[in-house]
């Protein structure tokens, strides 16, 4: 981590000296911070008091992408940040509302390790147990074999996320720079109920990979439904409109779905953007949706908004096409305006 801080400092001081967005990892923390260059202060003079450091999590372990590699994936997008921010009024309108309330904004990456741990114990981990980090107790209760139990305990101590989440974080970091806002990237393992109740939060991932999504399931128009045997996932359409199916069934490695929902936080003091896919690949489509001018303009037209109108709370469902573990295309299949 020390070497990563040094490399980031060297890059933005030399080759990246003209880039508008600077990525920094404050000493004593593993939390990357995105800042517009004008707001960066010399080392030793932080703009704000340092926040408590969360645990280290490894980004993209599925393909061997290290923390340092992930940071360069993020910084690589910065070269095009000025170009990409231009001519996107519909995108900027949404994100100015998300960031523009004087609250801090936290991007919460999914916890891929949790999904594998849930498979080992044979059940999902509800938020109450997840927030309390009751993993040792769960392993002892549900895994009889001592060796397998020890392996499970060691395994769950590694906090990992999906490569698709890293790609979304990169794009959101560029957007934050365009709004002159700070974006704090943390793992779902380090989010807390008080933080969610008081700040702006972006939740990435499925309910099983990010249990915080479950806090909002009951108010969703499209509810996540997991089937354990045989394993499958679908979204239940609670109140189908004319021409809409009652169930949106994902088909493994062929088609998936992603729900994007813009709602208030639990205390109605900030904003929450939930981007929750039927799989980790489909979640990336949700990130592309809210950063695409074409997609956001189409949504504004469906919501019958005029130029200059504020973006209301909304919920949309995207259908994703999956080829070779990527999503080359997606389409909006259902949407709902929301109150509040």
Protein backbone atom coordinates (compact mmCIF):
# COMPACT_ATOMS: atom_id res chain seq x y z
CA UNK A 1 0.00 0.00 0.00
CA UNK A 2 2.91 2.33 0.71
CA UNK A 3 4.24 1.71 -2.79
CA UNK A 4 0.80 2.32 -4.26
CA UNK A 5 0.54 5.71 -2.51
CA UNK A 6 4.00 6.59 -3.86
CA UNK A 7 3.11 5.55 -7.42
CA UNK A 8 -0.14 7.51 -7.35
CA UNK A 9 1.66 10.60 -6.05
CA UNK A 10 4.35 10.30 -8.76
CA UNK A 11 1.82 9.76 -11.54
CA UNK A 12 -0.37 12.76 -10.71
CA UNK A 13 2.71 14.95 -10.15
CA UNK A 14 4.28 14.05 -13.52
CA UNK A 15 2.44 12.29 -16.37
CA UNK A 16 -0.95 13.00 -14.87
CA UNK A 17 -0.29 16.59 -13.83
CA UNK A 18 -2.93 17.97 -16.23
CA UNK A 19 -5.70 15.57 -15.28
CA UNK A 20 -8.70 17.11 -13.48
CA UNK A 21 -9.26 14.14 -11.15
CA UNK A 22 -6.70 13.01 -8.59
CA UNK A 23 -6.87 9.68 -6.74
CA UNK A 24 -5.33 9.64 -3.29
CA UNK A 25 -5.13 7.07 -0.49
CA UNK A 26 -4.53 8.95 2.80
CA UNK A 27 -1.92 7.51 5.14
CA UNK A 28 -3.37 5.16 7.71
CA UNK A 29 -6.21 4.24 5.38
CA UNK A 30 -6.95 1.83 2.55
CA UNK A 31 -9.81 4.04 1.33
CA UNK A 32 -9.29 5.64 -2.11
CA UNK A 33 -10.49 9.25 -2.33
CA UNK A 34 -11.37 10.97 -5.61
CA UNK A 35 -10.80 14.75 -5.69
CA UNK A 36 -10.79 17.44 -8.37
CA UNK A 37 -7.22 18.68 -8.73
CA UNK A 38 -8.07 22.17 -7.44
CA UNK A 39 -9.08 20.65 -4.11
CA UNK A 40 -5.91 18.63 -3.51
CA UNK A 41 -3.71 19.87 -0.69
CA UNK A 42 -0.01 19.25 -0.11
CA UNK A 43 0.89 16.12 1.79
CA UNK A 44 0.41 16.55 5.51
CA UNK A 45 -2.43 19.08 5.09
CA UNK A 46 -5.57 17.02 4.46
CA UNK A 47 -8.69 18.90 3.39
CA UNK A 48 -10.78 17.08 5.99
CA UNK A 49 -9.97 15.00 9.09
CA UNK A 50 -9.18 11.45 8.10
CA UNK A 51 -12.03 8.98 8.48
CA UNK A 52 -11.51 5.69 10.33
CA UNK A 53 -9.71 3.25 8.05
CA UNK A 54 -11.77 0.27 6.91
CA UNK A 55 -10.31 -3.19 6.47
CA UNK A 56 -8.29 -3.86 3.33
CA UNK A 57 -10.28 -5.50 0.57
CA UNK A 58 -8.83 -7.01 -2.60
CA UNK A 59 -10.41 -5.84 -5.85
CA UNK A 60 -11.07 -8.31 -8.63
CA UNK A 61 -9.52 -11.40 -7.06
CA UNK A 62 -11.37 -13.62 -9.56
CA UNK A 63 -8.89 -12.71 -12.29
CA UNK A 64 -5.95 -11.91 -10.09
CA UNK A 65 -6.33 -8.14 -10.22
CA UNK A 66 -4.49 -6.63 -7.28
CA UNK A 67 -5.30 -3.44 -5.41
CA UNK A 68 -2.53 -1.67 -7.29
CA UNK A 69 -3.80 -2.95 -10.60
CA UNK A 70 -7.31 -1.80 -9.77
CA UNK A 71 -6.07 1.67 -8.93
CA UNK A 72 -4.42 1.96 -12.34
CA UNK A 73 -7.62 0.74 -14.00
CA UNK A 74 -9.40 3.64 -12.27
CA UNK A 75 -6.71 6.21 -13.03
CA UNK A 76 -6.55 5.12 -16.68
CA UNK A 77 -10.06 6.46 -17.22
CA UNK A 78 -9.10 9.87 -15.90
CA UNK A 79 -7.28 10.75 -19.14
CA UNK A 80 -10.66 10.94 -20.86
CA UNK A 81 -12.64 12.50 -18.03
CA UNK A 82 -13.00 15.97 -19.57
CA UNK A 83 -14.16 14.54 -22.89
CA UNK A 84 -16.61 12.12 -21.27
CA UNK A 85 -18.18 14.76 -19.04
CA UNK A 86 -19.02 16.98 -21.98
CA UNK A 87 -22.44 16.91 -23.66
CA UNK A 88 -24.09 14.78 -20.96
CA UNK A 89 -26.68 17.09 -19.42
CA UNK A 90 -29.10 14.29 -18.50
CA UNK A 91 -26.36 12.36 -16.70
CA UNK A 92 -25.08 15.47 -14.94
CA UNK A 93 -28.60 16.39 -13.83
CA UNK A 94 -28.98 13.09 -11.95
CA UNK A 95 -25.54 13.17 -10.38
CA UNK A 96 -25.74 16.81 -9.35
CA UNK A 97 -28.84 15.84 -7.36
CA UNK A 98 -27.09 12.81 -5.89
CA UNK A 99 -23.99 14.74 -4.81
CA UNK A 100 -25.46 18.20 -4.30
CA UNK A 101 -26.78 18.03 -0.75
CA UNK A 102 -23.59 18.68 1.26
CA UNK A 103 -23.47 15.02 2.36
CA UNK A 104 -20.52 12.71 1.86
CA UNK A 105 -21.01 10.02 -0.79
CA UNK A 106 -19.94 6.40 -0.30
CA UNK A 107 -19.68 3.88 -3.12
CA UNK A 108 -20.23 0.47 -1.51
CA UNK A 109 -18.72 -2.42 -3.47
CA UNK A 110 -20.21 -5.91 -3.27
CA UNK A 111 -18.67 -8.58 -1.06
CA UNK A 112 -18.01 -11.50 -3.41
CA UNK A 113 -16.45 -13.57 -0.61
CA UNK A 114 -19.78 -13.52 1.21
CA UNK A 115 -21.52 -15.32 -1.68
CA UNK A 116 -19.04 -18.20 -1.51
CA UNK A 117 -19.30 -18.30 2.29
CA UNK A 118 -23.09 -18.53 2.01
CA UNK A 119 -22.68 -21.47 -0.34
CA UNK A 120 -20.44 -23.17 2.24
CA UNK A 121 -22.91 -22.78 5.12
CA UNK A 122 -25.95 -23.50 2.94
CA UNK A 123 -27.94 -20.33 3.60
CA UNK A 124 -27.89 -16.58 3.10
CA UNK A 125 -26.52 -14.23 5.75
CA UNK A 126 -29.08 -11.59 6.80
CA UNK A 127 -27.97 -8.01 7.37
CA UNK A 128 -28.17 -8.27 11.18
CA UNK A 129 -25.57 -11.07 11.20
CA UNK A 130 -23.52 -9.50 8.41
CA UNK A 131 -23.18 -6.10 10.07
CA UNK A 132 -22.20 -7.80 13.35
CA UNK A 133 -19.59 -9.93 11.49
CA UNK A 134 -20.90 -13.17 13.00
CA UNK A 135 -18.99 -15.33 10.52
CA UNK A 136 -17.15 -17.48 13.07
CA UNK A 137 -20.41 -18.37 14.82
CA UNK A 138 -22.10 -19.19 11.51
CA UNK A 139 -19.21 -21.41 10.42
CA UNK A 140 -19.27 -23.24 13.76
CA UNK A 141 -23.04 -23.71 13.58
CA UNK A 142 -23.38 -24.87 9.97
CA UNK A 143 -20.08 -26.59 9.07
CA UNK A 144 -19.54 -29.84 10.93
CA UNK A 145 -16.14 -30.83 9.57
CA UNK A 146 -13.38 -29.09 11.61
CA UNK A 147 -11.03 -28.69 8.65
CA UNK A 148 -13.70 -27.24 6.37
CA UNK A 149 -14.81 -24.96 9.19
CA UNK A 150 -11.27 -23.62 9.63
CA UNK A 151 -10.93 -23.04 5.89
CA UNK A 152 -14.28 -21.22 5.82
CA UNK A 153 -13.22 -18.93 8.67
CA UNK A 154 -9.95 -18.08 6.94
CA UNK A 155 -11.74 -17.60 3.63
CA UNK A 156 -14.33 -15.15 4.92
CA UNK A 157 -11.59 -12.94 6.39
CA UNK A 158 -10.60 -11.99 2.83
CA UNK A 159 -12.83 -9.20 1.57
CA UNK A 160 -13.09 -9.26 -2.22
CA UNK A 161 -15.22 -7.61 -4.85
CA UNK A 162 -15.97 -8.12 -8.55
CA UNK A 163 -13.98 -6.64 -11.42
CA UNK A 164 -17.24 -5.21 -12.77
CA UNK A 165 -17.60 -3.21 -9.55
CA UNK A 166 -14.11 -1.77 -10.11
CA UNK A 167 -15.11 -0.67 -13.60
CA UNK A 168 -18.22 1.03 -12.23
CA UNK A 169 -16.11 2.71 -9.52
CA UNK A 170 -13.80 4.08 -12.22
CA UNK A 171 -16.68 5.68 -14.13
CA UNK A 172 -18.33 7.03 -11.00
CA UNK A 173 -15.03 8.56 -9.88
CA UNK A 174 -14.89 10.54 -13.12
CA UNK A 175 -18.47 11.73 -12.57
CA UNK A 176 -17.66 12.79 -9.02
CA UNK A 177 -14.75 14.88 -10.30
CA UNK A 178 -17.09 16.58 -12.75
CA UNK A 179 -19.37 17.50 -9.87
CA UNK A 180 -16.39 18.65 -7.72
CA UNK A 181 -17.47 16.04 -5.19
CA UNK A 182 -15.57 13.51 -3.13
CA UNK A 183 -16.37 9.83 -3.70
CA UNK A 184 -15.34 7.38 -0.98
CA UNK A 185 -15.01 3.73 -2.05
CA UNK A 186 -15.57 1.08 0.62
CA UNK A 187 -16.54 -2.58 0.87
CA UNK A 188 -20.02 -3.63 1.95
CA UNK A 189 -18.24 -5.19 4.94
CA UNK A 190 -17.35 -1.69 6.21
CA UNK A 191 -20.66 0.09 5.77
CA UNK A 192 -22.63 0.77 8.98
CA UNK A 193 -26.26 1.55 9.72
CA UNK A 194 -25.49 5.06 11.06
CA UNK A 195 -23.51 5.93 7.91
CA UNK A 196 -26.30 4.68 5.64
CA UNK A 197 -28.83 6.70 7.63
CA UNK A 198 -26.89 9.97 7.40
CA UNK A 199 -24.96 10.13 4.10
CA UNK A 200 -25.34 9.51 0.36
CA UNK A 201 -24.71 5.87 -0.52
CA UNK A 202 -24.39 3.94 -3.79
CA UNK A 203 -24.96 0.21 -3.28
CA UNK A 204 -23.52 -2.19 -5.87
CA UNK A 205 -24.34 -5.86 -6.18
CA UNK A 206 -27.01 -8.42 -5.46
CA UNK A 207 -28.73 -8.88 -2.14
CA UNK A 208 -26.55 -11.93 -1.48
CA UNK A 209 -23.32 -10.11 -2.28
CA UNK A 210 -24.38 -6.87 -0.58
CA UNK A 211 -26.87 -7.49 2.24
CA UNK A 212 -27.46 -3.74 2.61
CA UNK A 213 -29.59 -3.96 -0.53
CA UNK A 214 -32.04 -6.02 1.54
CA UNK A 215 -32.98 -2.92 3.55
CA UNK A 216 -34.79 -1.60 0.48
CA UNK A 217 -36.24 -4.84 -0.96
CA UNK A 218 -39.66 -4.42 0.64
CA UNK A 219 -40.20 -1.07 -1.07
CA UNK A 220 -39.02 -2.21 -4.51
CA UNK A 221 -41.43 -2.58 -7.43
CA UNK A 222 -39.19 -5.39 -8.72
CA UNK A 223 -38.27 -7.72 -5.84
CA UNK A 224 -35.31 -10.09 -5.92
CA UNK A 225 -36.23 -13.75 -5.54
CA UNK A 226 -33.61 -16.47 -5.14
CA UNK A 227 -34.31 -20.17 -5.64
CA UNK A 228 -31.82 -22.47 -3.90
CA UNK A 229 -32.75 -25.76 -5.62
CA UNK A 230 -32.26 -25.59 -8.52
CA UNK A 231 -30.20 -22.45 -8.18
CA UNK A 232 -31.79 -19.50 -9.99
CA UNK A 233 -32.65 -15.84 -9.54
CA UNK A 234 -35.52 -13.75 -10.81
CA UNK A 235 -37.22 -10.41 -10.21
CA UNK A 236 -40.87 -10.43 -9.15
CA UNK A 237 -42.98 -7.67 -10.73
CA UNK A 238 -45.26 -6.74 -7.83
CA UNK A 239 -47.76 -4.74 -9.87
CA UNK A 240 -47.39 -5.56 -13.59
CA UNK A 241 -48.54 -2.90 -16.02
CA UNK A 242 -50.21 -3.75 -19.32
CA UNK A 243 -47.89 -5.90 -21.42
CA UNK A 244 -45.44 -6.59 -18.58
CA UNK A 245 -44.68 -10.11 -17.28
CA UNK A 246 -45.18 -10.93 -13.62
CA UNK A 247 -41.73 -12.55 -13.43
CA UNK A 248 -38.41 -11.59 -15.02
CA UNK A 249 -36.40 -14.82 -14.99
CA UNK A 250 -32.63 -14.69 -15.47
CA UNK A 251 -31.00 -17.39 -17.60
CA UNK A 252 -27.51 -18.28 -16.45
CA UNK A 253 -24.77 -17.02 -18.82
CA UNK A 254 -27.32 -15.91 -21.42
CA UNK A 255 -29.62 -13.23 -20.02
CA UNK A 256 -29.75 -11.34 -16.76
CA UNK A 257 -31.45 -8.35 -15.18
CA UNK A 258 -30.31 -5.30 -13.27
CA UNK A 259 -32.47 -3.11 -11.07
CA UNK A 260 -31.50 0.54 -10.67
CA UNK A 261 -33.34 2.44 -7.94
CA UNK A 262 -32.98 6.03 -6.74
CA UNK A 263 -34.45 6.39 -3.22
CA UNK A 264 -33.89 8.36 0.02
CA UNK A 265 -31.60 6.90 2.65
CA UNK A 266 -33.09 5.22 5.71
CA UNK A 267 -33.52 8.54 7.59
CA UNK A 268 -34.53 10.55 4.49
CA UNK A 269 -31.51 12.80 5.03
CA UNK A 270 -29.55 11.77 1.94
CA UNK A 271 -29.74 9.80 -1.30
CA UNK A 272 -29.30 6.11 -2.08
CA UNK A 273 -28.67 4.68 -5.53
CA UNK A 274 -29.13 0.90 -5.62
CA UNK A 275 -27.61 -0.94 -8.60
CA UNK A 276 -28.43 -4.60 -8.09
CA UNK A 277 -28.00 -7.26 -10.78
CA UNK A 278 -29.07 -10.88 -10.98
CA UNK A 279 -25.33 -11.57 -11.30
CA UNK A 280 -22.12 -9.57 -10.94
CA UNK A 281 -21.89 -9.05 -14.70
CA UNK A 282 -25.39 -7.56 -14.99
CA UNK A 283 -24.64 -5.11 -12.18
CA UNK A 284 -22.12 -3.45 -14.48
CA UNK A 285 -24.95 -2.70 -16.94
CA UNK A 286 -26.64 -0.64 -14.23
CA UNK A 287 -23.48 1.41 -13.83
CA UNK A 288 -23.36 2.00 -17.58
CA UNK A 289 -27.04 2.99 -17.58
CA UNK A 290 -26.63 5.86 -15.11
CA UNK A 291 -23.51 7.16 -16.89
CA UNK A 292 -24.99 7.02 -20.41
CA UNK A 293 -26.51 10.20 -21.82
CA UNK A 294 -28.62 8.18 -24.25
CA UNK A 295 -30.04 5.99 -21.47
CA UNK A 296 -30.72 8.82 -19.03
CA UNK A 297 -32.31 10.96 -21.73
CA UNK A 298 -34.58 8.04 -22.68
CA UNK A 299 -35.59 7.63 -19.03
CA UNK A 300 -36.36 11.34 -18.70
CA UNK A 301 -38.57 11.10 -21.78
CA UNK A 302 -40.43 8.09 -20.37
CA UNK A 303 -40.95 10.00 -17.12
CA UNK A 304 -42.25 12.95 -19.22
CA UNK A 305 -39.70 15.38 -17.82
CA UNK A 306 -39.04 18.72 -19.45
CA UNK A 307 -35.56 20.25 -19.84
CA UNK A 308 -34.52 21.62 -16.48
CA UNK A 309 -36.90 19.41 -14.48
CA UNK A 310 -35.34 17.65 -11.50
CA UNK A 311 -35.01 13.89 -11.75
CA UNK A 312 -37.66 12.28 -9.53
CA UNK A 313 -37.07 9.12 -7.53
CA UNK A 314 -37.28 6.17 -9.89
CA UNK A 315 -36.82 2.45 -10.34
CA UNK A 316 -35.92 0.76 -13.60
CA UNK A 317 -35.28 -2.83 -14.65
CA UNK A 318 -32.73 -3.59 -17.35
CA UNK A 319 -32.48 -6.82 -19.32
CA UNK A 320 -28.87 -7.75 -20.07
CA UNK A 321 -27.46 -9.93 -22.81
CA UNK A 322 -24.45 -11.94 -21.63
CA UNK A 323 -21.73 -13.22 -23.98
CA UNK A 324 -18.40 -14.62 -22.76
CA UNK A 325 -18.97 -13.19 -19.25
CA UNK A 326 -19.54 -9.66 -20.59
CA UNK A 327 -22.63 -7.56 -21.24
CA UNK A 328 -22.39 -6.16 -24.78
CA UNK A 329 -25.88 -4.70 -24.61
CA UNK A 330 -28.83 -4.04 -22.32
CA UNK A 331 -32.35 -2.68 -22.69
CA UNK A 332 -34.81 -0.97 -20.39
CA UNK A 333 -37.77 -3.34 -19.96
CA UNK A 334 -39.72 -1.68 -17.13
CA UNK A 335 -39.68 1.54 -15.13
CA UNK A 336 -41.55 3.18 -12.29
CA UNK A 337 -41.54 6.75 -10.95
CA UNK A 338 -41.37 6.77 -7.17
CA UNK A 339 -42.68 9.08 -4.47
CA UNK A 340 -40.60 10.67 -1.72
